[in-house]
Amino acid sequence: MASDPAAAAPRPHHVDLSDTAATTATVTVPTAVYLLTVWYLHSRHTKHGPVAQAVAPAGAVLVLACTAFGHSGVLAAGLVRALMVVVGVLIHSRESRASTGL
């Protein structure tokens, strides 16, 4: 009886990540770590005021919360990041106007 070598070889375990929160976490967790790292190394020294200081840490928490949204979590995390940019621009423009006296 001839045996098939391919049949005897152990088959690697295949995991389908498309149906799990792990897929979303591969985007949201590194993004949150990046946001906190940038805040810790740069933003906390250059941003003035409690609102400006809170944008990055709050954004990191919200990005992590997007993991719970499953498939749409990556889109939600992107929208959170876009909102962070808008808030940052608004804060910066207010600070600029206040410093020039307009």
PDB file of N, CA and C in Angstrom:
ATOM      1  N   MET A   1       0.840  -1.167   0.000  1.00  0.00           N
ATOM      2  CA  MET A   1       0.000   0.000   0.000  1.00  0.00           C
ATOM      3  C   MET A   1       0.892   1.238   0.000  1.00  0.00           C
ATOM      4  N   ALA A   2       0.773   2.071  -1.003  1.00  0.00           N
ATOM      5  CA  ALA A   2       1.570   3.290  -1.110  1.00  0.00           C
ATOM      6  C   ALA A   2       0.898   4.397  -0.317  1.00  0.00           C
ATOM      7  N   SER A   3       1.712   5.090   0.443  1.00  0.00           N
ATOM      8  CA  SER A   3       1.137   6.200   1.213  1.00  0.00           C
ATOM      9  C   SER A   3       1.494   7.527   0.550  1.00  0.00           C
ATOM     10  N   ASP A   4       0.613   8.435   0.662  1.00  0.00           N
ATOM     11  CA  ASP A   4       0.802   9.773   0.087  1.00  0.00           C
ATOM     12  C   ASP A   4       1.574  10.621   1.096  1.00  0.00           C
ATOM     13  N   PRO A   5       2.794  11.117   0.737  1.00  0.00           N
ATOM     14  CA  PRO A   5       3.571  11.906   1.702  1.00  0.00           C
ATOM     15  C   PRO A   5       2.864  13.203   2.093  1.00  0.00           C
ATOM     16  N   ALA A   6       2.084  13.756   1.201  1.00  0.00           N
ATOM     17  CA  ALA A   6       1.384  15.000   1.533  1.00  0.00           C
ATOM     18  C   ALA A   6       0.299  14.749   2.565  1.00  0.00           C
ATOM     19  N   ALA A   7      -0.310  13.581   2.531  1.00  0.00           N
ATOM     20  CA  ALA A   7      -1.366  13.272   3.484  1.00  0.00           C
ATOM     21  C   ALA A   7      -0.798  13.029   4.873  1.00  0.00           C
ATOM     22  N   ALA A   8       0.434  12.514   4.935  1.00  0.00           N
ATOM     23  CA  ALA A   8       1.047  12.207   6.229  1.00  0.00           C
ATOM     24  C   ALA A   8       1.635  13.454   6.890  1.00  0.00           C
ATOM     25  N   ALA A   9       1.925  14.474   6.112  1.00  0.00           N
ATOM     26  CA  ALA A   9       2.532  15.676   6.668  1.00  0.00           C
ATOM     27  C   ALA A   9       1.519  16.423   7.529  1.00  0.00           C
ATOM     28  N   PRO A  10       1.970  16.936   8.652  1.00  0.00           N
ATOM     29  CA  PRO A  10       1.039  17.699   9.497  1.00  0.00           C
ATOM     30  C   PRO A  10       0.598  18.976   8.783  1.00  0.00           C
ATOM     31  N   ARG A  11      -0.651  19.278   8.923  1.00  0.00           N
ATOM     32  CA  ARG A  11      -1.195  20.486   8.285  1.00  0.00           C
ATOM     33  C   ARG A  11      -1.106  21.654   9.252  1.00  0.00           C
ATOM     34  N   PRO A  12      -0.644  22.785   8.758  1.00  0.00           N
ATOM     35  CA  PRO A  12      -0.567  23.955   9.643  1.00  0.00           C
ATOM     36  C   PRO A  12      -1.980  24.419  10.005  1.00  0.00           C
ATOM     37  N   HIS A  13      -2.085  24.935  11.203  1.00  0.00           N
ATOM     38  CA  HIS A  13      -3.374  25.445  11.672  1.00  0.00           C
ATOM     39  C   HIS A  13      -3.664  26.770  10.971  1.00  0.00           C
ATOM     40  N   HIS A  14      -4.822  26.875  10.403  1.00  0.00           N
ATOM     41  CA  HIS A  14      -5.213  28.086   9.681  1.00  0.00           C
ATOM     42  C   HIS A  14      -6.251  28.838  10.506  1.00  0.00           C
ATOM     43  N   VAL A  15      -5.997  30.121  10.752  1.00  0.00           N
ATOM     44  CA  VAL A  15      -6.927  30.951  11.509  1.00  0.00           C
ATOM     45  C   VAL A  15      -7.479  32.005  10.574  1.00  0.00           C
ATOM     46  N   ASP A  16      -8.789  32.093  10.517  1.00  0.00           N
ATOM     47  CA  ASP A  16      -9.436  33.109   9.694  1.00  0.00           C
ATOM     48  C   ASP A  16      -9.741  34.305  10.580  1.00  0.00           C
ATOM     49  N   LEU A  17      -8.931  35.355  10.447  1.00  0.00           N
ATOM     50  CA  LEU A  17      -9.097  36.541  11.289  1.00  0.00           C
ATOM     51  C   LEU A  17     -10.193  37.478  10.803  1.00  0.00           C
ATOM     52  N   SER A  18     -10.768  37.209   9.670  1.00  0.00           N
ATOM     53  CA  SER A  18     -11.760  38.129   9.131  1.00  0.00           C
ATOM     54  C   SER A  18     -13.025  38.175   9.966  1.00  0.00           C
ATOM     55  N   ASP A  19     -13.253  37.179  10.810  1.00  0.00           N
ATOM     56  CA  ASP A  19     -14.468  37.133  11.604  1.00  0.00           C
ATOM     57  C   ASP A  19     -14.251  37.484  13.069  1.00  0.00           C
ATOM     58  N   THR A  20     -13.079  37.966  13.428  1.00  0.00           N
ATOM     59  CA  THR A  20     -12.806  38.211  14.838  1.00  0.00           C
ATOM     60  C   THR A  20     -12.420  39.663  15.074  1.00  0.00           C
ATOM     61  N   ALA A  21     -12.455  40.043  16.328  1.00  0.00           N
ATOM     62  CA  ALA A  21     -12.037  41.388  16.711  1.00  0.00           C
ATOM     63  C   ALA A  21     -10.523  41.548  16.597  1.00  0.00           C
ATOM     64  N   ALA A  22      -9.808  40.441  16.445  1.00  0.00           N
ATOM     65  CA  ALA A  22      -8.348  40.506  16.329  1.00  0.00           C
ATOM     66  C   ALA A  22      -7.933  41.281  15.089  1.00  0.00           C
ATOM     67  N   THR A  23      -8.726  41.195  14.040  1.00  0.00           N
ATOM     68  CA  THR A  23      -8.413  41.941  12.820  1.00  0.00           C
ATOM     69  C   THR A  23      -8.430  43.430  13.087  1.00  0.00           C
ATOM     70  N   THR A  24      -9.473  43.898  13.738  1.00  0.00           N
ATOM     71  CA  THR A  24      -9.576  45.317  14.060  1.00  0.00           C
ATOM     72  C   THR A  24      -8.498  45.719  15.057  1.00  0.00           C
ATOM     73  N   ALA A  25      -8.198  44.843  15.993  1.00  0.00           N
ATOM     74  CA  ALA A  25      -7.184  45.152  16.999  1.00  0.00           C
ATOM     75  C   ALA A  25      -5.799  45.309  16.391  1.00  0.00           C
ATOM     76  N   THR A  26      -5.540  44.668  15.245  1.00  0.00           N
ATOM     77  CA  THR A  26      -4.230  44.837  14.608  1.00  0.00           C
ATOM     78  C   THR A  26      -4.032  46.247  14.091  1.00  0.00           C
ATOM     79  N   VAL A  27      -5.111  46.998  13.962  1.00  0.00           N
ATOM     80  CA  VAL A  27      -5.022  48.397  13.558  1.00  0.00           C
ATOM     81  C   VAL A  27      -5.163  49.312  14.767  1.00  0.00           C
ATOM     82  N   THR A  28      -6.146  49.061  15.615  1.00  0.00           N
ATOM     83  CA  THR A  28      -6.451  49.998  16.694  1.00  0.00           C
ATOM     84  C   THR A  28      -5.418  50.002  17.815  1.00  0.00           C
ATOM     85  N   VAL A  29      -4.894  48.850  18.175  1.00  0.00           N
ATOM     86  CA  VAL A  29      -3.932  48.800  19.282  1.00  0.00           C
ATOM     87  C   VAL A  29      -2.621  49.515  18.923  1.00  0.00           C
ATOM     88  N   PRO A  30      -1.996  49.233  17.775  1.00  0.00           N
ATOM     89  CA  PRO A  30      -0.785  49.988  17.442  1.00  0.00           C
ATOM     90  C   PRO A  30      -1.040  51.492  17.260  1.00  0.00           C
ATOM     91  N   THR A  31      -2.215  51.835  16.742  1.00  0.00           N
ATOM     92  CA  THR A  31      -2.542  53.255  16.586  1.00  0.00           C
ATOM     93  C   THR A  31      -2.632  53.929  17.946  1.00  0.00           C
ATOM     94  N   ALA A  32      -3.281  53.287  18.898  1.00  0.00           N
ATOM     95  CA  ALA A  32      -3.397  53.859  20.243  1.00  0.00           C
ATOM     96  C   ALA A  32      -2.026  53.970  20.917  1.00  0.00           C
ATOM     97  N   VAL A  33      -1.194  52.957  20.745  1.00  0.00           N
ATOM     98  CA  VAL A  33       0.160  53.006  21.312  1.00  0.00           C
ATOM     99  C   VAL A  33       0.944  54.149  20.679  1.00  0.00           C
ATOM    100  N   TYR A  34       0.822  54.313  19.372  1.00  0.00           N
ATOM    101  CA  TYR A  34       1.499  55.413  18.679  1.00  0.00           C
ATOM    102  C   TYR A  34       1.030  56.764  19.211  1.00  0.00           C
ATOM    103  N   LEU A  35      -0.277  56.938  19.359  1.00  0.00           N
ATOM    104  CA  LEU A  35      -0.806  58.210  19.852  1.00  0.00           C
ATOM    105  C   LEU A  35      -0.283  58.534  21.247  1.00  0.00           C
ATOM    106  N   LEU A  36      -0.281  57.545  22.117  1.00  0.00           N
ATOM    107  CA  LEU A  36       0.228  57.777  23.468  1.00  0.00           C
ATOM    108  C   LEU A  36       1.724  58.041  23.474  1.00  0.00           C
ATOM    109  N   THR A  37       2.454  57.387  22.602  1.00  0.00           N
ATOM    110  CA  THR A  37       3.898  57.611  22.526  1.00  0.00           C
ATOM    111  C   THR A  37       4.204  59.015  22.037  1.00  0.00           C
ATOM    112  N   VAL A  38       3.506  59.459  21.007  1.00  0.00           N
ATOM    113  CA  VAL A  38       3.707  60.823  20.495  1.00  0.00           C
ATOM    114  C   VAL A  38       3.325  61.842  21.557  1.00  0.00           C
ATOM    115  N   TRP A  39       2.230  61.583  22.259  1.00  0.00           N
ATOM    116  CA  TRP A  39       1.818  62.507  23.319  1.00  0.00           C
ATOM    117  C   TRP A  39       2.891  62.552  24.405  1.00  0.00           C
ATOM    118  N   TYR A  40       3.373  61.383  24.823  1.00  0.00           N
ATOM    119  CA  TYR A  40       4.345  61.327  25.908  1.00  0.00           C
ATOM    120  C   TYR A  40       5.668  61.994  25.529  1.00  0.00           C
ATOM    121  N   LEU A  41       6.124  61.769  24.300  1.00  0.00           N
ATOM    122  CA  LEU A  41       7.438  62.284  23.901  1.00  0.00           C
ATOM    123  C   LEU A  41       7.400  63.712  23.392  1.00  0.00           C
ATOM    124  N   HIS A  42       6.272  64.145  22.827  1.00  0.00           N
ATOM    125  CA  HIS A  42       6.254  65.444  22.161  1.00  0.00           C
ATOM    126  C   HIS A  42       5.119  66.355  22.627  1.00  0.00           C
ATOM    127  N   SER A  43       3.902  65.904  22.452  1.00  0.00           N
ATOM    128  CA  SER A  43       2.752  66.789  22.628  1.00  0.00           C
ATOM    129  C   SER A  43       2.599  67.320  24.045  1.00  0.00           C
ATOM    130  N   ARG A  44       2.877  66.508  25.033  1.00  0.00           N
ATOM    131  CA  ARG A  44       2.680  66.989  26.399  1.00  0.00           C
ATOM    132  C   ARG A  44       3.641  68.111  26.765  1.00  0.00           C
ATOM    133  N   HIS A  45       4.718  68.264  25.994  1.00  0.00           N
ATOM    134  CA  HIS A  45       5.675  69.342  26.245  1.00  0.00           C
ATOM    135  C   HIS A  45       5.371  70.581  25.409  1.00  0.00           C
ATOM    136  N   THR A  46       4.623  70.434  24.328  1.00  0.00           N
ATOM    137  CA  THR A  46       4.400  71.560  23.421  1.00  0.00           C
ATOM    138  C   THR A  46       2.967  72.078  23.418  1.00  0.00           C
ATOM    139  N   LYS A  47       2.019  71.280  23.885  1.00  0.00           N
ATOM    140  CA  LYS A  47       0.617  71.713  23.892  1.00  0.00           C
ATOM    141  C   LYS A  47       0.334  72.464  25.180  1.00  0.00           C
ATOM    142  N   HIS A  48      -0.478  73.512  25.079  1.00  0.00           N
ATOM    143  CA  HIS A  48      -0.795  74.335  26.243  1.00  0.00           C
ATOM    144  C   HIS A  48      -2.284  74.235  26.536  1.00  0.00           C
ATOM    145  N   GLY A  49      -2.618  74.096  27.787  1.00  0.00           N
ATOM    146  CA  GLY A  49      -4.010  74.010  28.201  1.00  0.00           C
ATOM    147  C   GLY A  49      -4.474  72.582  28.358  1.00  0.00           C
ATOM    148  N   PRO A  50      -5.450  72.390  29.237  1.00  0.00           N
ATOM    149  CA  PRO A  50      -5.913  71.028  29.511  1.00  0.00           C
ATOM    150  C   PRO A  50      -6.617  70.367  28.327  1.00  0.00           C
ATOM    151  N   VAL A  51      -7.321  71.136  27.518  1.00  0.00           N
ATOM    152  CA  VAL A  51      -8.015  70.543  26.365  1.00  0.00           C
ATOM    153  C   VAL A  51      -7.000  70.059  25.339  1.00  0.00           C
ATOM    154  N   ALA A  52      -6.016  70.879  25.032  1.00  0.00           N
ATOM    155  CA  ALA A  52      -4.985  70.486  24.072  1.00  0.00           C
ATOM    156  C   ALA A  52      -4.193  69.291  24.588  1.00  0.00           C
ATOM    157  N   GLN A  53      -3.966  69.230  25.903  1.00  0.00           N
ATOM    158  CA  GLN A  53      -3.237  68.106  26.484  1.00  0.00           C
ATOM    159  C   GLN A  53      -4.042  66.815  26.438  1.00  0.00           C
ATOM    160  N   ALA A  54      -5.364  66.930  26.447  1.00  0.00           N
ATOM    161  CA  ALA A  54      -6.219  65.745  26.534  1.00  0.00           C
ATOM    162  C   ALA A  54      -6.563  65.141  25.179  1.00  0.00           C
ATOM    163  N   VAL A  55      -6.272  65.820  24.085  1.00  0.00           N
ATOM    164  CA  VAL A  55      -6.697  65.338  22.761  1.00  0.00           C
ATOM    165  C   VAL A  55      -6.081  63.977  22.442  1.00  0.00           C
ATOM    166  N   ALA A  56      -4.778  63.820  22.564  1.00  0.00           N
ATOM    167  CA  ALA A  56      -4.123  62.562  22.193  1.00  0.00           C
ATOM    168  C   ALA A  56      -4.489  61.405  23.125  1.00  0.00           C
ATOM    169  N   PRO A  57      -4.440  61.576  24.448  1.00  0.00           N
ATOM    170  CA  PRO A  57      -4.833  60.452  25.305  1.00  0.00           C
ATOM    171  C   PRO A  57      -6.307  60.058  25.124  1.00  0.00           C
ATOM    172  N   ALA A  58      -7.173  61.047  25.002  1.00  0.00           N
ATOM    173  CA  ALA A  58      -8.593  60.738  24.786  1.00  0.00           C
ATOM    174  C   ALA A  58      -8.784  60.049  23.440  1.00  0.00           C
ATOM    175  N   GLY A  59      -8.065  60.504  22.433  1.00  0.00           N
ATOM    176  CA  GLY A  59      -8.141  59.872  21.121  1.00  0.00           C
ATOM    177  C   GLY A  59      -7.658  58.434  21.162  1.00  0.00           C
ATOM    178  N   ALA A  60      -6.601  58.180  21.932  1.00  0.00           N
ATOM    179  CA  ALA A  60      -6.080  56.816  22.052  1.00  0.00           C
ATOM    180  C   ALA A  60      -7.115  55.897  22.693  1.00  0.00           C
ATOM    181  N   VAL A  61      -7.781  56.384  23.716  1.00  0.00           N
ATOM    182  CA  VAL A  61      -8.816  55.580  24.374  1.00  0.00           C
ATOM    183  C   VAL A  61      -9.975  55.321  23.409  1.00  0.00           C
ATOM    184  N   LEU A  62     -10.379  56.358  22.670  1.00  0.00           N
ATOM    185  CA  LEU A  62     -11.473  56.182  21.713  1.00  0.00           C
ATOM    186  C   LEU A  62     -11.093  55.223  20.584  1.00  0.00           C
ATOM    187  N   VAL A  63      -9.852  55.300  20.126  1.00  0.00           N
ATOM    188  CA  VAL A  63      -9.391  54.376  19.080  1.00  0.00           C
ATOM    189  C   VAL A  63      -9.415  52.946  19.607  1.00  0.00           C
ATOM    190  N   LEU A  64      -8.981  52.741  20.842  1.00  0.00           N
ATOM    191  CA  LEU A  64      -9.050  51.401  21.426  1.00  0.00           C
ATOM    192  C   LEU A  64     -10.497  50.926  21.554  1.00  0.00           C
ATOM    193  N   ALA A  65     -11.393  51.838  21.897  1.00  0.00           N
ATOM    194  CA  ALA A  65     -12.810  51.475  22.016  1.00  0.00           C
ATOM    195  C   ALA A  65     -13.385  51.049  20.667  1.00  0.00           C
ATOM    196  N   CYS A  66     -12.827  51.546  19.585  1.00  0.00           N
ATOM    197  CA  CYS A  66     -13.298  51.174  18.247  1.00  0.00           C
ATOM    198  C   CYS A  66     -13.083  49.701  17.947  1.00  0.00           C
ATOM    199  N   THR A  67     -12.232  49.041  18.701  1.00  0.00           N
ATOM    200  CA  THR A  67     -12.004  47.612  18.522  1.00  0.00           C
ATOM    201  C   THR A  67     -13.306  46.834  18.709  1.00  0.00           C
ATOM    202  N   ALA A  68     -14.169  47.314  19.572  1.00  0.00           N
ATOM    203  CA  ALA A  68     -15.430  46.627  19.862  1.00  0.00           C
ATOM    204  C   ALA A  68     -16.415  46.685  18.695  1.00  0.00           C
ATOM    205  N   PHE A  69     -16.174  47.540  17.720  1.00  0.00           N
ATOM    206  CA  PHE A  69     -17.099  47.679  16.598  1.00  0.00           C
ATOM    207  C   PHE A  69     -16.930  46.589  15.544  1.00  0.00           C
ATOM    208  N   GLY A  70     -15.951  45.715  15.725  1.00  0.00           N
ATOM    209  CA  GLY A  70     -15.757  44.621  14.781  1.00  0.00           C
ATOM    210  C   GLY A  70     -15.269  45.109  13.428  1.00  0.00           C
ATOM    211  N   HIS A  71     -15.970  44.687  12.363  1.00  0.00           N
ATOM    212  CA  HIS A  71     -15.534  45.012  10.996  1.00  0.00           C
ATOM    213  C   HIS A  71     -15.480  46.516  10.739  1.00  0.00           C
ATOM    214  N   SER A  72     -16.387  47.273  11.321  1.00  0.00           N
ATOM    215  CA  SER A  72     -16.400  48.717  11.070  1.00  0.00           C
ATOM    216  C   SER A  72     -15.497  49.477  12.039  1.00  0.00           C
ATOM    217  N   GLY A  73     -14.754  48.772  12.881  1.00  0.00           N
ATOM    218  CA  GLY A  73     -13.887  49.414  13.856  1.00  0.00           C
ATOM    219  C   GLY A  73     -12.742  50.192  13.247  1.00  0.00           C
ATOM    220  N   VAL A  74     -12.208  49.716  12.125  1.00  0.00           N
ATOM    221  CA  VAL A  74     -11.103  50.427  11.474  1.00  0.00           C
ATOM    222  C   VAL A  74     -11.605  51.758  10.908  1.00  0.00           C
ATOM    223  N   LEU A  75     -12.774  51.728  10.293  1.00  0.00           N
ATOM    224  CA  LEU A  75     -13.374  52.973   9.801  1.00  0.00           C
ATOM    225  C   LEU A  75     -13.646  53.921  10.958  1.00  0.00           C
ATOM    226  N   ALA A  76     -14.193  53.405  12.043  1.00  0.00           N
ATOM    227  CA  ALA A  76     -14.474  54.242  13.209  1.00  0.00           C
ATOM    228  C   ALA A  76     -13.188  54.840  13.774  1.00  0.00           C
ATOM    229  N   ALA A  77     -12.121  54.051  13.815  1.00  0.00           N
ATOM    230  CA  ALA A  77     -10.836  54.559  14.304  1.00  0.00           C
ATOM    231  C   ALA A  77     -10.315  55.672  13.395  1.00  0.00           C
ATOM    232  N   GLY A  78     -10.501  55.518  12.104  1.00  0.00           N
ATOM    233  CA  GLY A  78     -10.110  56.574  11.169  1.00  0.00           C
ATOM    234  C   GLY A  78     -10.916  57.846  11.378  1.00  0.00           C
ATOM    235  N   LEU A  79     -12.194  57.691  11.657  1.00  0.00           N
ATOM    236  CA  LEU A  79     -13.032  58.866  11.933  1.00  0.00           C
ATOM    237  C   LEU A  79     -12.626  59.547  13.234  1.00  0.00           C
ATOM    238  N   VAL A  80     -12.251  58.754  14.231  1.00  0.00           N
ATOM    239  CA  VAL A  80     -11.742  59.333  15.482  1.00  0.00           C
ATOM    240  C   VAL A  80     -10.482  60.139  15.216  1.00  0.00           C
ATOM    241  N   ARG A  81      -9.577  59.584  14.417  1.00  0.00           N
ATOM    242  CA  ARG A  81      -8.334  60.307  14.083  1.00  0.00           C
ATOM    243  C   ARG A  81      -8.634  61.597  13.326  1.00  0.00           C
ATOM    244  N   ALA A  82      -9.594  61.547  12.401  1.00  0.00           N
ATOM    245  CA  ALA A  82      -9.968  62.758  11.664  1.00  0.00           C
ATOM    246  C   ALA A  82     -10.540  63.796  12.622  1.00  0.00           C
ATOM    247  N   LEU A  83     -11.347  63.364  13.568  1.00  0.00           N
ATOM    248  CA  LEU A  83     -11.899  64.280  14.563  1.00  0.00           C
ATOM    249  C   LEU A  83     -10.796  64.878  15.424  1.00  0.00           C
ATOM    250  N   MET A  84      -9.779  64.073  15.734  1.00  0.00           N
ATOM    251  CA  MET A  84      -8.646  64.604  16.498  1.00  0.00           C
ATOM    252  C   MET A  84      -7.920  65.694  15.730  1.00  0.00           C
ATOM    253  N   VAL A  85      -7.774  65.514  14.430  1.00  0.00           N
ATOM    254  CA  VAL A  85      -7.125  66.542  13.608  1.00  0.00           C
ATOM    255  C   VAL A  85      -7.953  67.820  13.619  1.00  0.00           C
ATOM    256  N   VAL A  86      -9.263  67.694  13.456  1.00  0.00           N
ATOM    257  CA  VAL A  86     -10.145  68.867  13.460  1.00  0.00           C
ATOM    258  C   VAL A  86     -10.046  69.599  14.792  1.00  0.00           C
ATOM    259  N   VAL A  87     -10.113  68.862  15.880  1.00  0.00           N
ATOM    260  CA  VAL A  87     -10.016  69.489  17.206  1.00  0.00           C
ATOM    261  C   VAL A  87      -8.656  70.159  17.373  1.00  0.00           C
ATOM    262  N   GLY A  88      -7.597  69.511  16.944  1.00  0.00           N
ATOM    263  CA  GLY A  88      -6.264  70.109  17.044  1.00  0.00           C
ATOM    264  C   GLY A  88      -6.135  71.382  16.247  1.00  0.00           C
ATOM    265  N   VAL A  89      -6.696  71.403  15.040  1.00  0.00           N
ATOM    266  CA  VAL A  89      -6.645  72.617  14.212  1.00  0.00           C
ATOM    267  C   VAL A  89      -7.455  73.738  14.864  1.00  0.00           C
ATOM    268  N   LEU A  90      -8.626  73.418  15.399  1.00  0.00           N
ATOM    269  CA  LEU A  90      -9.444  74.439  16.062  1.00  0.00           C
ATOM    270  C   LEU A  90      -8.733  75.013  17.291  1.00  0.00           C
ATOM    271  N   ILE A  91      -8.132  74.154  18.086  1.00  0.00           N
ATOM    272  CA  ILE A  91      -7.398  74.627  19.267  1.00  0.00           C
ATOM    273  C   ILE A  91      -6.237  75.507  18.849  1.00  0.00           C
ATOM    274  N   HIS A  92      -5.494  75.076  17.843  1.00  0.00           N
ATOM    275  CA  HIS A  92      -4.349  75.864  17.372  1.00  0.00           C
ATOM    276  C   HIS A  92      -4.794  77.217  16.816  1.00  0.00           C
ATOM    277  N   SER A  93      -5.889  77.242  16.067  1.00  0.00           N
ATOM    278  CA  SER A  93      -6.348  78.521  15.510  1.00  0.00           C
ATOM    279  C   SER A  93      -6.820  79.460  16.612  1.00  0.00           C
ATOM    280  N   ARG A  94      -7.454  78.928  17.647  1.00  0.00           N
ATOM    281  CA  ARG A  94      -7.864  79.775  18.776  1.00  0.00           C
ATOM    282  C   ARG A  94      -6.657  80.324  19.515  1.00  0.00           C
ATOM    283  N   GLU A  95      -5.639  79.470  19.699  1.00  0.00           N
ATOM    284  CA  GLU A  95      -4.421  79.942  20.373  1.00  0.00           C
ATOM    285  C   GLU A  95      -3.723  81.012  19.540  1.00  0.00           C
ATOM    286  N   SER A  96      -3.717  80.830  18.226  1.00  0.00           N
ATOM    287  CA  SER A  96      -3.076  81.806  17.339  1.00  0.00           C
ATOM    288  C   SER A  96      -3.802  83.149  17.398  1.00  0.00           C
ATOM    289  N   ARG A  97      -5.135  83.092  17.364  1.00  0.00           N
ATOM    290  CA  ARG A  97      -5.908  84.336  17.440  1.00  0.00           C
ATOM    291  C   ARG A  97      -5.721  85.014  18.780  1.00  0.00           C
ATOM    292  N   ALA A  98      -5.655  84.239  19.846  1.00  0.00           N
ATOM    293  CA  ALA A  98      -5.488  84.816  21.171  1.00  0.00           C
ATOM    294  C   ALA A  98      -4.110  85.464  21.330  1.00  0.00           C
ATOM    295  N   SER A  99      -3.091  84.873  20.721  1.00  0.00           N
ATOM    296  CA  SER A  99      -1.743  85.428  20.868  1.00  0.00           C
ATOM    297  C   SER A  99      -1.528  86.664  19.995  1.00  0.00           C
ATOM    298  N   THR A 100      -2.267  86.789  18.886  1.00  0.00           N
ATOM    299  CA  THR A 100      -2.132  87.969  18.040  1.00  0.00           C
ATOM    300  C   THR A 100      -3.103  89.067  18.425  1.00  0.00           C
ATOM    301  N   GLY A 101      -4.054  88.752  19.304  1.00  0.00           N
ATOM    302  CA  GLY A 101      -4.981  89.764  19.769  1.00  0.00           C
ATOM    303  C   GLY A 101      -6.128  90.034  18.829  1.00  0.00           C
ATOM    304  N   LEU A 102      -6.442  89.092  17.955  1.00  0.00           N
ATOM    305  CA  LEU A 102      -7.564  89.292  17.015  1.00  0.00           C
ATOM    306  C   LEU A 102      -8.861  88.893  17.614  1.00  0.00           C
TER     307      LEU A 102
END
